[in-house]
Amino acid sequence: MSEEEIRLAAGDVELTVTPANGCRISSLRVGGTELLRQGERYGCFPMVPWCGRTARGTFLNGATVHHLPLNSPPHAIHGTGRDTAWHTARADKAEAVFTYDLAEPWPYPGRVTQTFALTEDSLTLQLGVETYGDSFPAQAGWHPWFLRTLGGSEVTLDFAPAWQEERGEDHLPTGRRIDPLPGPWDDCFGMPDGVDVTLTWPERLELKVTSRAPWVVVYDEQEAAVCVEPQSGPPNGLNTEPRLVTPIDPLEIATTWTWRRL
């Protein structure tokens, strides 16, 4: 099976996954209309084993200090999965499964699994992180780049977060929860009942991003695209909201995108 591109289809919906480029969705076309920003850095990539920025690339596991490469100085950002070639475990017409083994610069051995399930009106993504030995803190989520404009129609966002994480000058949450502020955003929001964000391109398409996860980052500071990123913890969460992956308790997260034509 070619590792170049894996194509899934359901009705007139086509999904392309590129395992060698971080197992990202490089294309999602609904009725021939591309929904994602194109380019090797865009599409939709998995954030794993951490999401967003980790402060100064440093995190603790117990008393052990670990240092990650500062790929967004002065911080480490978005994990290692997007920079890794993944293995295609299984690919059928509308479903696929991919894996990669955690390795340097991540200090703990383990495995990450990502699955895709496509229908004519939805896409469900799942990520799992398991350890091969020691327990370690981890995060997982997705970073889609939805096109701001489809066929001349500009997107609007609708969501009702319970709070916004106050963002400091270093782009990290300060630890204070504040009432949600108007955009533009590069901010993390709390949705304790689960992520539920609706993107609407008037007279074109409505797309809902949902997840049982309670955190979402919204980034709409670029002209070309908007990002709605469900994730298992907030930015810098390896330090502030550590979620341990243990031999009997892997980290699992899922999100579903559901669309309807307008």
C-alpha atoms as a PDB file:
ATOM      1  CA  MET A   1       0.000   0.000   0.000  1.00  0.00           C
ATOM      2  CA  SER A   2       1.382   3.409  -0.937  1.00  0.00           C
ATOM      3  CA  GLU A   3       2.296   5.664   1.987  1.00  0.00           C
ATOM      4  CA  GLU A   4       2.044   8.719  -0.258  1.00  0.00           C
ATOM      5  CA  GLU A   5      -1.657   9.455   0.117  1.00  0.00           C
ATOM      6  CA  ILE A   6      -4.621   7.546   1.467  1.00  0.00           C
ATOM      7  CA  ARG A   7      -7.956   8.540  -0.052  1.00  0.00           C
ATOM      8  CA  LEU A   8     -11.314   7.849   1.567  1.00  0.00           C
ATOM      9  CA  ALA A   9     -14.684   8.520  -0.032  1.00  0.00           C
ATOM     10  CA  ALA A  10     -18.380   8.489   0.885  1.00  0.00           C
ATOM     11  CA  GLY A  11     -20.855   9.728  -1.707  1.00  0.00           C
ATOM     12  CA  ASP A  12     -19.444  12.974  -3.109  1.00  0.00           C
ATOM     13  CA  VAL A  13     -17.186  13.532  -0.072  1.00  0.00           C
ATOM     14  CA  GLU A  14     -13.463  12.880  -0.490  1.00  0.00           C
ATOM     15  CA  LEU A  15     -10.814  12.819   2.257  1.00  0.00           C
ATOM     16  CA  THR A  16      -7.067  12.624   1.646  1.00  0.00           C
ATOM     17  CA  VAL A  17      -4.621  11.682   4.424  1.00  0.00           C
ATOM     18  CA  THR A  18      -0.856  12.030   4.039  1.00  0.00           C
ATOM     19  CA  PRO A  19       0.814   9.604   6.480  1.00  0.00           C
ATOM     20  CA  ALA A  20       4.359  10.737   5.661  1.00  0.00           C
ATOM     21  CA  ASN A  21       3.527  14.367   6.490  1.00  0.00           C
ATOM     22  CA  GLY A  22       2.399  13.969  10.059  1.00  0.00           C
ATOM     23  CA  CYS A  23      -0.684  11.904   9.185  1.00  0.00           C
ATOM     24  CA  ARG A  24      -2.507  15.118   8.408  1.00  0.00           C
ATOM     25  CA  ILE A  25      -5.669  15.542   6.412  1.00  0.00           C
ATOM     26  CA  SER A  26      -4.337  17.254   3.319  1.00  0.00           C
ATOM     27  CA  SER A  27      -7.766  17.619   1.687  1.00  0.00           C
ATOM     28  CA  LEU A  28     -11.446  17.408   2.572  1.00  0.00           C
ATOM     29  CA  ARG A  29     -13.771  18.013  -0.354  1.00  0.00           C
ATOM     30  CA  VAL A  30     -17.558  18.129  -0.028  1.00  0.00           C
ATOM     31  CA  GLY A  31     -19.330  18.116  -3.371  1.00  0.00           C
ATOM     32  CA  GLY A  32     -16.086  19.162  -5.044  1.00  0.00           C
ATOM     33  CA  THR A  33     -15.511  22.105  -2.667  1.00  0.00           C
ATOM     34  CA  GLU A  34     -12.272  22.085  -0.682  1.00  0.00           C
ATOM     35  CA  LEU A  35     -12.806  22.963   3.002  1.00  0.00           C
ATOM     36  CA  LEU A  36      -9.193  23.059   4.219  1.00  0.00           C
ATOM     37  CA  ARG A  37      -6.335  25.438   3.552  1.00  0.00           C
ATOM     38  CA  GLN A  38      -3.863  23.789   1.206  1.00  0.00           C
ATOM     39  CA  GLY A  39      -0.107  23.446   1.771  1.00  0.00           C
ATOM     40  CA  GLU A  40       2.245  21.067   3.533  1.00  0.00           C
ATOM     41  CA  ARG A  41       1.905  22.943   6.875  1.00  0.00           C
ATOM     42  CA  TYR A  42      -1.886  23.185   6.758  1.00  0.00           C
ATOM     43  CA  GLY A  43      -4.828  20.852   6.160  1.00  0.00           C
ATOM     44  CA  CYS A  44      -5.568  19.338   9.572  1.00  0.00           C
ATOM     45  CA  PHE A  45      -2.784  17.862  11.678  1.00  0.00           C
ATOM     46  CA  PRO A  46      -2.833  15.911  14.954  1.00  0.00           C
ATOM     47  CA  MET A  47      -1.366  17.613  18.009  1.00  0.00           C
ATOM     48  CA  VAL A  48       0.278  14.883  20.087  1.00  0.00           C
ATOM     49  CA  PRO A  49       1.779  14.167  22.614  1.00  0.00           C
ATOM     50  CA  TRP A  50       1.079  17.778  23.591  1.00  0.00           C
ATOM     51  CA  CYS A  51      -1.165  20.576  22.306  1.00  0.00           C
ATOM     52  CA  GLY A  52      -0.285  24.197  21.743  1.00  0.00           C
ATOM     53  CA  ARG A  53       2.646  25.714  23.585  1.00  0.00           C
ATOM     54  CA  THR A  54       4.623  24.041  26.370  1.00  0.00           C
ATOM     55  CA  ALA A  55       6.321  26.779  28.369  1.00  0.00           C
ATOM     56  CA  ARG A  56       9.990  27.118  27.445  1.00  0.00           C
ATOM     57  CA  GLY A  57       9.875  23.517  26.230  1.00  0.00           C
ATOM     58  CA  THR A  58      10.058  22.211  29.796  1.00  0.00           C
ATOM     59  CA  PHE A  59       7.764  19.868  31.699  1.00  0.00           C
ATOM     60  CA  LEU A  60       7.922  17.703  34.809  1.00  0.00           C
ATOM     61  CA  ASN A  61       7.016  14.072  35.303  1.00  0.00           C
ATOM     62  CA  GLY A  62       7.204  13.649  39.044  1.00  0.00           C
ATOM     63  CA  ALA A  63      10.585  15.094  39.981  1.00  0.00           C
ATOM     64  CA  THR A  64      12.111  14.518  36.531  1.00  0.00           C
ATOM     65  CA  VAL A  65      12.581  17.593  34.340  1.00  0.00           C
ATOM     66  CA  HIS A  66      12.346  17.148  30.561  1.00  0.00           C
ATOM     67  CA  HIS A  67      13.327  19.578  27.818  1.00  0.00           C
ATOM     68  CA  LEU A  68      11.703  19.682  24.377  1.00  0.00           C
ATOM     69  CA  PRO A  69      13.037  21.448  21.264  1.00  0.00           C
ATOM     70  CA  LEU A  70      11.966  25.095  21.070  1.00  0.00           C
ATOM     71  CA  ASN A  71      10.267  24.906  17.677  1.00  0.00           C
ATOM     72  CA  SER A  72       8.304  28.106  18.420  1.00  0.00           C
ATOM     73  CA  PRO A  73      10.793  30.062  20.556  1.00  0.00           C
ATOM     74  CA  PRO A  74      10.699  30.485  23.467  1.00  0.00           C
ATOM     75  CA  HIS A  75       8.268  27.540  23.600  1.00  0.00           C
ATOM     76  CA  ALA A  76       7.724  24.053  22.179  1.00  0.00           C
ATOM     77  CA  ILE A  77       4.503  23.843  20.180  1.00  0.00           C
ATOM     78  CA  HIS A  78       1.974  21.275  18.881  1.00  0.00           C
ATOM     79  CA  GLY A  79       3.808  18.018  19.644  1.00  0.00           C
ATOM     80  CA  THR A  80       5.906  15.707  17.484  1.00  0.00           C
ATOM     81  CA  GLY A  81       3.186  13.822  15.613  1.00  0.00           C
ATOM     82  CA  ARG A  82       2.826  16.431  12.876  1.00  0.00           C
ATOM     83  CA  ASP A  83       6.547  16.113  12.048  1.00  0.00           C
ATOM     84  CA  THR A  84       6.576  12.308  11.956  1.00  0.00           C
ATOM     85  CA  ALA A  85       5.917   9.720   9.263  1.00  0.00           C
ATOM     86  CA  TRP A  86       3.068   7.442  10.371  1.00  0.00           C
ATOM     87  CA  HIS A  87       2.420   3.818   9.413  1.00  0.00           C
ATOM     88  CA  THR A  88      -0.798   2.852   7.639  1.00  0.00           C
ATOM     89  CA  ALA A  89      -2.238   0.013   9.708  1.00  0.00           C
ATOM     90  CA  ARG A  90      -5.483  -0.314   7.741  1.00  0.00           C
ATOM     91  CA  ALA A  91      -7.294   1.603   5.010  1.00  0.00           C
ATOM     92  CA  ASP A  92     -10.682   0.743   3.578  1.00  0.00           C
ATOM     93  CA  LYS A  93     -12.977   2.782   1.344  1.00  0.00           C
ATOM     94  CA  ALA A  94     -14.234   5.075   4.122  1.00  0.00           C
ATOM     95  CA  GLU A  95     -12.126   4.177   7.196  1.00  0.00           C
ATOM     96  CA  ALA A  96      -8.418   4.140   7.993  1.00  0.00           C
ATOM     97  CA  VAL A  97      -6.086   3.579  10.953  1.00  0.00           C
ATOM     98  CA  PHE A  98      -2.542   4.913  11.367  1.00  0.00           C
ATOM     99  CA  THR A  99       0.132   4.558  14.057  1.00  0.00           C
ATOM    100  CA  TYR A 100       3.517   5.869  15.051  1.00  0.00           C
ATOM    101  CA  ASP A 101       5.867   5.060  17.906  1.00  0.00           C
ATOM    102  CA  LEU A 102       6.851   7.872  20.245  1.00  0.00           C
ATOM    103  CA  ALA A 103      10.571   8.573  20.051  1.00  0.00           C
ATOM    104  CA  GLU A 104      13.119  11.336  20.609  1.00  0.00           C
ATOM    105  CA  PRO A 105      12.707  14.203  21.316  1.00  0.00           C
ATOM    106  CA  TRP A 106       9.789  12.815  23.350  1.00  0.00           C
ATOM    107  CA  PRO A 107      11.400  11.126  26.358  1.00  0.00           C
ATOM    108  CA  TYR A 108       9.023   8.168  26.819  1.00  0.00           C
ATOM    109  CA  PRO A 109       8.304   5.146  24.604  1.00  0.00           C
ATOM    110  CA  GLY A 110       4.737   4.572  23.530  1.00  0.00           C
ATOM    111  CA  ARG A 111       2.383   4.388  20.587  1.00  0.00           C
ATOM    112  CA  VAL A 112      -0.056   6.858  19.047  1.00  0.00           C
ATOM    113  CA  THR A 113      -3.018   5.649  16.980  1.00  0.00           C
ATOM    114  CA  GLN A 114      -5.199   7.860  14.798  1.00  0.00           C
ATOM    115  CA  THR A 115      -8.389   6.658  13.132  1.00  0.00           C
ATOM    116  CA  PHE A 116     -10.630   8.213  10.482  1.00  0.00           C
ATOM    117  CA  ALA A 117     -14.247   7.297   9.723  1.00  0.00           C
ATOM    118  CA  LEU A 118     -15.975   9.132   6.863  1.00  0.00           C
ATOM    119  CA  THR A 119     -19.659   9.273   5.907  1.00  0.00           C
ATOM    120  CA  GLU A 120     -21.542  11.463   3.442  1.00  0.00           C
ATOM    121  CA  ASP A 121     -22.210  14.057   6.136  1.00  0.00           C
ATOM    122  CA  SER A 122     -19.588  13.523   8.848  1.00  0.00           C
ATOM    123  CA  LEU A 123     -15.998  12.735   9.725  1.00  0.00           C
ATOM    124  CA  THR A 124     -15.018  11.184  13.050  1.00  0.00           C
ATOM    125  CA  LEU A 125     -11.394  11.364  14.184  1.00  0.00           C
ATOM    126  CA  GLN A 126      -9.894   9.508  17.136  1.00  0.00           C
ATOM    127  CA  LEU A 127      -6.485   9.666  18.790  1.00  0.00           C
ATOM    128  CA  GLY A 128      -5.099   7.243  21.342  1.00  0.00           C
ATOM    129  CA  VAL A 129      -1.821   7.477  23.283  1.00  0.00           C
ATOM    130  CA  GLU A 130      -0.492   4.432  25.125  1.00  0.00           C
ATOM    131  CA  THR A 131       2.741   3.807  27.006  1.00  0.00           C
ATOM    132  CA  TYR A 132       5.187   0.967  26.539  1.00  0.00           C
ATOM    133  CA  GLY A 133       6.429   1.356  30.111  1.00  0.00           C
ATOM    134  CA  ASP A 134       6.570   4.330  32.428  1.00  0.00           C
ATOM    135  CA  SER A 135       3.615   6.615  32.953  1.00  0.00           C
ATOM    136  CA  PHE A 136       3.901  10.098  31.467  1.00  0.00           C
ATOM    137  CA  PRO A 137       1.778  13.228  31.020  1.00  0.00           C
ATOM    138  CA  ALA A 138       0.394  13.764  27.515  1.00  0.00           C
ATOM    139  CA  GLN A 139      -2.180  15.662  25.478  1.00  0.00           C
ATOM    140  CA  ALA A 140      -3.855  15.092  22.135  1.00  0.00           C
ATOM    141  CA  GLY A 141      -6.039  17.075  19.763  1.00  0.00           C
ATOM    142  CA  TRP A 142      -6.396  18.391  16.224  1.00  0.00           C
ATOM    143  CA  HIS A 143      -5.453  21.591  14.426  1.00  0.00           C
ATOM    144  CA  PRO A 144      -7.662  22.040  11.345  1.00  0.00           C
ATOM    145  CA  TRP A 145      -7.191  25.023   9.029  1.00  0.00           C
ATOM    146  CA  PHE A 146     -10.689  25.667   7.667  1.00  0.00           C
ATOM    147  CA  LEU A 147     -10.804  28.045   4.727  1.00  0.00           C
ATOM    148  CA  ARG A 148     -12.201  31.408   5.755  1.00  0.00           C
ATOM    149  CA  THR A 149     -14.034  31.838   2.452  1.00  0.00           C
ATOM    150  CA  LEU A 150     -15.915  29.261   0.372  1.00  0.00           C
ATOM    151  CA  GLY A 151     -17.153  30.443  -3.037  1.00  0.00           C
ATOM    152  CA  GLY A 152     -17.138  34.073  -1.906  1.00  0.00           C
ATOM    153  CA  SER A 153     -18.949  33.308   1.370  1.00  0.00           C
ATOM    154  CA  GLU A 154     -17.007  34.207   4.543  1.00  0.00           C
ATOM    155  CA  VAL A 155     -17.296  31.969   7.577  1.00  0.00           C
ATOM    156  CA  THR A 156     -18.887  32.925  10.886  1.00  0.00           C
ATOM    157  CA  LEU A 157     -18.235  31.146  14.185  1.00  0.00           C
ATOM    158  CA  ASP A 158     -20.855  30.355  16.815  1.00  0.00           C
ATOM    159  CA  PHE A 159     -19.995  28.853  20.196  1.00  0.00           C
ATOM    160  CA  ALA A 160     -20.829  29.479  23.851  1.00  0.00           C
ATOM    161  CA  PRO A 161     -17.826  28.716  26.069  1.00  0.00           C
ATOM    162  CA  ALA A 162     -18.147  28.779  29.842  1.00  0.00           C
ATOM    163  CA  TRP A 163     -14.903  30.729  30.127  1.00  0.00           C
ATOM    164  CA  GLN A 164     -11.796  31.900  28.318  1.00  0.00           C
ATOM    165  CA  GLU A 165      -8.291  31.206  29.575  1.00  0.00           C
ATOM    166  CA  GLU A 166      -6.652  34.589  30.069  1.00  0.00           C
ATOM    167  CA  ARG A 167      -3.674  34.772  27.724  1.00  0.00           C
ATOM    168  CA  GLY A 168      -0.454  36.340  28.940  1.00  0.00           C
ATOM    169  CA  GLU A 169       2.096  38.266  26.905  1.00  0.00           C
ATOM    170  CA  ASP A 170       3.983  34.971  26.452  1.00  0.00           C
ATOM    171  CA  HIS A 171       0.878  33.511  24.720  1.00  0.00           C
ATOM    172  CA  LEU A 172       0.379  31.049  27.586  1.00  0.00           C
ATOM    173  CA  PRO A 173      -2.673  30.881  29.857  1.00  0.00           C
ATOM    174  CA  THR A 174      -2.076  32.844  33.058  1.00  0.00           C
ATOM    175  CA  GLY A 175      -4.237  30.505  35.120  1.00  0.00           C
ATOM    176  CA  ARG A 176      -7.095  32.994  35.359  1.00  0.00           C
ATOM    177  CA  ARG A 177     -10.472  32.190  33.822  1.00  0.00           C
ATOM    178  CA  ILE A 178     -12.250  35.215  32.383  1.00  0.00           C
ATOM    179  CA  ASP A 179     -15.505  35.945  30.610  1.00  0.00           C
ATOM    180  CA  PRO A 180     -15.107  35.244  26.882  1.00  0.00           C
ATOM    181  CA  LEU A 181     -13.829  38.254  24.935  1.00  0.00           C
ATOM    182  CA  PRO A 182     -14.682  39.136  21.328  1.00  0.00           C
ATOM    183  CA  GLY A 183     -12.241  38.020  18.623  1.00  0.00           C
ATOM    184  CA  PRO A 184      -9.976  37.893  16.826  1.00  0.00           C
ATOM    185  CA  TRP A 185      -8.631  35.011  18.887  1.00  0.00           C
ATOM    186  CA  ASP A 186      -5.598  32.890  19.504  1.00  0.00           C
ATOM    187  CA  ASP A 187      -7.157  31.657  22.712  1.00  0.00           C
ATOM    188  CA  CYS A 188      -8.248  28.630  24.694  1.00  0.00           C
ATOM    189  CA  PHE A 189     -11.833  28.253  25.881  1.00  0.00           C
ATOM    190  CA  GLY A 190     -13.444  25.936  28.396  1.00  0.00           C
ATOM    191  CA  MET A 191     -16.537  23.987  27.345  1.00  0.00           C
ATOM    192  CA  PRO A 192     -17.079  21.559  30.241  1.00  0.00           C
ATOM    193  CA  ASP A 193     -20.076  19.900  28.572  1.00  0.00           C
ATOM    194  CA  GLY A 194     -17.967  19.194  25.494  1.00  0.00           C
ATOM    195  CA  VAL A 195     -16.704  21.179  22.525  1.00  0.00           C
ATOM    196  CA  ASP A 196     -19.510  22.427  20.277  1.00  0.00           C
ATOM    197  CA  VAL A 197     -18.562  25.019  17.650  1.00  0.00           C
ATOM    198  CA  THR A 198     -20.503  25.811  14.476  1.00  0.00           C
ATOM    199  CA  LEU A 199     -18.838  27.259  11.386  1.00  0.00           C
ATOM    200  CA  THR A 200     -21.241  28.689   8.820  1.00  0.00           C
ATOM    201  CA  TRP A 201     -20.450  29.808   5.297  1.00  0.00           C
ATOM    202  CA  PRO A 202     -23.785  31.509   4.412  1.00  0.00           C
ATOM    203  CA  GLU A 203     -25.612  29.899   1.503  1.00  0.00           C
ATOM    204  CA  ARG A 204     -22.809  27.330   1.207  1.00  0.00           C
ATOM    205  CA  LEU A 205     -22.203  25.049   4.172  1.00  0.00           C
ATOM    206  CA  GLU A 206     -22.658  24.616   7.925  1.00  0.00           C
ATOM    207  CA  LEU A 207     -20.065  22.523   9.769  1.00  0.00           C
ATOM    208  CA  LYS A 208     -20.187  21.569  13.448  1.00  0.00           C
ATOM    209  CA  VAL A 209     -17.060  20.571  15.387  1.00  0.00           C
ATOM    210  CA  THR A 210     -17.993  18.533  18.458  1.00  0.00           C
ATOM    211  CA  SER A 211     -16.039  16.534  21.022  1.00  0.00           C
ATOM    212  CA  ARG A 212     -16.504  15.246  24.550  1.00  0.00           C
ATOM    213  CA  ALA A 213     -13.222  17.006  25.339  1.00  0.00           C
ATOM    214  CA  PRO A 214     -13.722  20.180  27.425  1.00  0.00           C
ATOM    215  CA  TRP A 215     -11.108  22.397  25.751  1.00  0.00           C
ATOM    216  CA  VAL A 216     -10.977  24.190  22.413  1.00  0.00           C
ATOM    217  CA  VAL A 217      -8.500  26.667  20.973  1.00  0.00           C
ATOM    218  CA  VAL A 218      -9.843  29.094  18.371  1.00  0.00           C
ATOM    219  CA  TYR A 219      -7.357  30.830  16.091  1.00  0.00           C
ATOM    220  CA  ASP A 220      -8.684  33.267  13.503  1.00  0.00           C
ATOM    221  CA  GLU A 221      -5.903  35.834  13.207  1.00  0.00           C
ATOM    222  CA  GLN A 222      -4.955  34.808   9.658  1.00  0.00           C
ATOM    223  CA  GLU A 223      -6.770  36.039   6.600  1.00  0.00           C
ATOM    224  CA  ALA A 224      -6.834  32.704   4.780  1.00  0.00           C
ATOM    225  CA  ALA A 225      -8.215  30.346   7.415  1.00  0.00           C
ATOM    226  CA  VAL A 226      -9.765  29.821  10.831  1.00  0.00           C
ATOM    227  CA  CYS A 227      -8.799  27.051  13.245  1.00  0.00           C
ATOM    228  CA  VAL A 228     -11.083  25.282  15.729  1.00  0.00           C
ATOM    229  CA  GLU A 229      -8.947  22.898  17.767  1.00  0.00           C
ATOM    230  CA  PRO A 230     -10.548  20.420  20.193  1.00  0.00           C
ATOM    231  CA  GLN A 231      -7.948  19.123  22.607  1.00  0.00           C
ATOM    232  CA  SER A 232      -7.636  17.108  25.798  1.00  0.00           C
ATOM    233  CA  GLY A 233      -6.093  19.938  27.802  1.00  0.00           C
ATOM    234  CA  PRO A 234      -5.187  23.631  27.598  1.00  0.00           C
ATOM    235  CA  PRO A 235      -1.936  25.063  26.222  1.00  0.00           C
ATOM    236  CA  ASN A 236       0.942  24.307  28.628  1.00  0.00           C
ATOM    237  CA  GLY A 237      -1.243  21.567  30.043  1.00  0.00           C
ATOM    238  CA  LEU A 238       1.705  19.187  30.490  1.00  0.00           C
ATOM    239  CA  ASN A 239       2.563  21.496  33.395  1.00  0.00           C
ATOM    240  CA  THR A 240      -0.779  22.908  34.544  1.00  0.00           C
ATOM    241  CA  GLU A 241      -3.290  20.085  33.863  1.00  0.00           C
ATOM    242  CA  PRO A 242      -1.145  16.932  33.580  1.00  0.00           C
ATOM    243  CA  ARG A 243      -3.090  13.892  32.379  1.00  0.00           C
ATOM    244  CA  LEU A 244      -1.034  10.760  32.991  1.00  0.00           C
ATOM    245  CA  VAL A 245      -0.918   7.977  30.428  1.00  0.00           C
ATOM    246  CA  THR A 246      -0.436   4.754  32.380  1.00  0.00           C
ATOM    247  CA  PRO A 247      -0.143   1.103  31.342  1.00  0.00           C
ATOM    248  CA  ILE A 248      -3.836   0.584  32.214  1.00  0.00           C
ATOM    249  CA  ASP A 249      -5.174   4.031  31.279  1.00  0.00           C
ATOM    250  CA  PRO A 250      -4.328   5.291  27.780  1.00  0.00           C
ATOM    251  CA  LEU A 251      -5.297   8.787  26.663  1.00  0.00           C
ATOM    252  CA  GLU A 252      -8.188   8.749  24.203  1.00  0.00           C
ATOM    253  CA  ILE A 253      -9.940  11.653  22.479  1.00  0.00           C
ATOM    254  CA  ALA A 254     -12.372  11.905  19.576  1.00  0.00           C
ATOM    255  CA  THR A 255     -13.973  14.656  17.545  1.00  0.00           C
ATOM    256  CA  THR A 256     -16.725  14.626  14.937  1.00  0.00           C
ATOM    257  CA  TRP A 257     -17.240  17.142  12.164  1.00  0.00           C
ATOM    258  CA  THR A 258     -20.797  17.153  10.813  1.00  0.00           C
ATOM    259  CA  TRP A 259     -21.832  19.232   7.804  1.00  0.00           C
ATOM    260  CA  ARG A 260     -24.915  20.148   5.853  1.00  0.00           C
ATOM    261  CA  ARG A 261     -25.206  22.077   2.630  1.00  0.00           C
ATOM    262  CA  LEU A 262     -27.135  25.362   2.729  1.00  0.00           C
END
